[in-house]
Amino acid sequence: MNNDDLQHLLNSIQSEVKSDVTSGKNTTTYKLSDDALTEKVLDGLAENLKGYKDVRIDGSNLILTHADQEA
């Protein structure tokens, strides 16, 4: 996975997060492709996904717990 692919992945994740936040959800679960399940890509995701209460991988799912939203 090259830098453009990683940026596309991050954009897709952020789009999913935005949709979930708008829907009032506290977490976002994003299914990662096999190409994304490499140490290099996972490290890149961790570096770019700051500002969440929790970021974890469960199998092939990226699970993001959103920070508390201001009312």
C-alpha atoms as a PDB file:
ATOM      1  CA  MET A   1       0.000   0.000   0.000  1.00  0.00           C
ATOM      2  CA  ASN A   2       1.541   3.321  -1.081  1.00  0.00           C
ATOM      3  CA  ASN A   3       1.030   6.808   0.386  1.00  0.00           C
ATOM      4  CA  ASP A   4      -1.860   7.593  -1.974  1.00  0.00           C
ATOM      5  CA  ASP A   5      -3.599   4.368  -0.947  1.00  0.00           C
ATOM      6  CA  LEU A   6      -3.081   5.213   2.729  1.00  0.00           C
ATOM      7  CA  GLN A   7      -4.502   8.711   2.197  1.00  0.00           C
ATOM      8  CA  HIS A   8      -7.530   7.242   0.403  1.00  0.00           C
ATOM      9  CA  LEU A   9      -8.021   4.804   3.301  1.00  0.00           C
ATOM     10  CA  LEU A  10      -7.814   7.643   5.843  1.00  0.00           C
ATOM     11  CA  ASN A  11     -10.335   9.688   3.831  1.00  0.00           C
ATOM     12  CA  SER A  12     -12.716   6.718   3.721  1.00  0.00           C
ATOM     13  CA  ILE A  13     -12.387   6.171   7.467  1.00  0.00           C
ATOM     14  CA  GLN A  14     -12.990   9.872   8.187  1.00  0.00           C
ATOM     15  CA  SER A  15     -16.086   9.828   5.961  1.00  0.00           C
ATOM     16  CA  GLU A  16     -17.442   6.847   7.897  1.00  0.00           C
ATOM     17  CA  VAL A  17     -16.656   8.575  11.216  1.00  0.00           C
ATOM     18  CA  LYS A  18     -18.469  11.736  10.090  1.00  0.00           C
ATOM     19  CA  SER A  19     -21.527   9.702   9.148  1.00  0.00           C
ATOM     20  CA  ASP A  20     -21.502   7.849  12.473  1.00  0.00           C
ATOM     21  CA  VAL A  21     -21.057  11.047  14.521  1.00  0.00           C
ATOM     22  CA  THR A  22     -23.931  12.678  12.624  1.00  0.00           C
ATOM     23  CA  SER A  23     -26.044   9.622  13.475  1.00  0.00           C
ATOM     24  CA  GLY A  24     -25.173   9.974  17.161  1.00  0.00           C
ATOM     25  CA  LYS A  25     -22.982   6.874  17.353  1.00  0.00           C
ATOM     26  CA  ASN A  26     -20.105   6.765  19.864  1.00  0.00           C
ATOM     27  CA  THR A  27     -17.969   4.328  17.881  1.00  0.00           C
ATOM     28  CA  THR A  28     -17.074   3.595  14.291  1.00  0.00           C
ATOM     29  CA  THR A  29     -16.172   0.125  13.067  1.00  0.00           C
ATOM     30  CA  TYR A  30     -14.350   0.058   9.738  1.00  0.00           C
ATOM     31  CA  LYS A  31     -13.463  -3.189   7.964  1.00  0.00           C
ATOM     32  CA  LEU A  32      -9.870  -3.089   6.778  1.00  0.00           C
ATOM     33  CA  SER A  33      -8.749  -4.845   3.615  1.00  0.00           C
ATOM     34  CA  ASP A  34      -6.049  -7.501   3.777  1.00  0.00           C
ATOM     35  CA  ASP A  35      -3.652  -4.966   2.196  1.00  0.00           C
ATOM     36  CA  ALA A  36      -4.210  -2.649   5.166  1.00  0.00           C
ATOM     37  CA  LEU A  37      -3.446  -5.319   7.755  1.00  0.00           C
ATOM     38  CA  THR A  38       0.310  -4.836   7.644  1.00  0.00           C
ATOM     39  CA  GLU A  39       2.419  -3.417  10.438  1.00  0.00           C
ATOM     40  CA  LYS A  40       3.484  -0.451   8.292  1.00  0.00           C
ATOM     41  CA  VAL A  41      -0.095   0.526   7.405  1.00  0.00           C
ATOM     42  CA  LEU A  42      -1.405  -0.051  10.929  1.00  0.00           C
ATOM     43  CA  ASP A  43       1.391   2.135  12.305  1.00  0.00           C
ATOM     44  CA  GLY A  44       0.458   4.817   9.768  1.00  0.00           C
ATOM     45  CA  LEU A  45      -3.181   4.635  10.812  1.00  0.00           C
ATOM     46  CA  ALA A  46      -2.286   4.916  14.491  1.00  0.00           C
ATOM     47  CA  GLU A  47      -0.145   7.969  13.733  1.00  0.00           C
ATOM     48  CA  ASN A  48      -2.945   9.660  11.776  1.00  0.00           C
ATOM     49  CA  LEU A  49      -5.926   8.730  13.946  1.00  0.00           C
ATOM     50  CA  LYS A  50      -5.270  10.861  16.992  1.00  0.00           C
ATOM     51  CA  GLY A  51      -8.062  12.546  18.928  1.00  0.00           C
ATOM     52  CA  TYR A  52     -10.118   9.436  19.586  1.00  0.00           C
ATOM     53  CA  LYS A  53     -10.745   7.982  23.039  1.00  0.00           C
ATOM     54  CA  ASP A  54      -9.618   4.592  21.764  1.00  0.00           C
ATOM     55  CA  VAL A  55      -8.223   3.155  18.537  1.00  0.00           C
ATOM     56  CA  ARG A  56      -7.935  -0.627  18.274  1.00  0.00           C
ATOM     57  CA  ILE A  57      -7.896  -3.497  15.825  1.00  0.00           C
ATOM     58  CA  ASP A  58     -10.165  -6.506  16.342  1.00  0.00           C
ATOM     59  CA  GLY A  59      -9.443  -9.062  13.645  1.00  0.00           C
ATOM     60  CA  SER A  60      -9.781  -7.065  10.429  1.00  0.00           C
ATOM     61  CA  ASN A  61     -11.918  -4.331  12.007  1.00  0.00           C
ATOM     62  CA  LEU A  62     -10.616  -0.925  12.990  1.00  0.00           C
ATOM     63  CA  ILE A  63     -12.662   0.273  15.967  1.00  0.00           C
ATOM     64  CA  LEU A  64     -12.618   3.955  16.845  1.00  0.00           C
ATOM     65  CA  THR A  65     -14.233   5.276  20.013  1.00  0.00           C
ATOM     66  CA  HIS A  66     -15.096   8.913  19.426  1.00  0.00           C
ATOM     67  CA  ALA A  67     -14.072  11.678  21.788  1.00  0.00           C
ATOM     68  CA  ASP A  68     -16.944  13.239  23.718  1.00  0.00           C
ATOM     69  CA  GLN A  69     -18.870  15.673  21.549  1.00  0.00           C
ATOM     70  CA  GLU A  70     -19.759  19.162  22.754  1.00  0.00           C
ATOM     71  CA  ALA A  71     -23.516  19.700  22.934  1.00  0.00           C
END
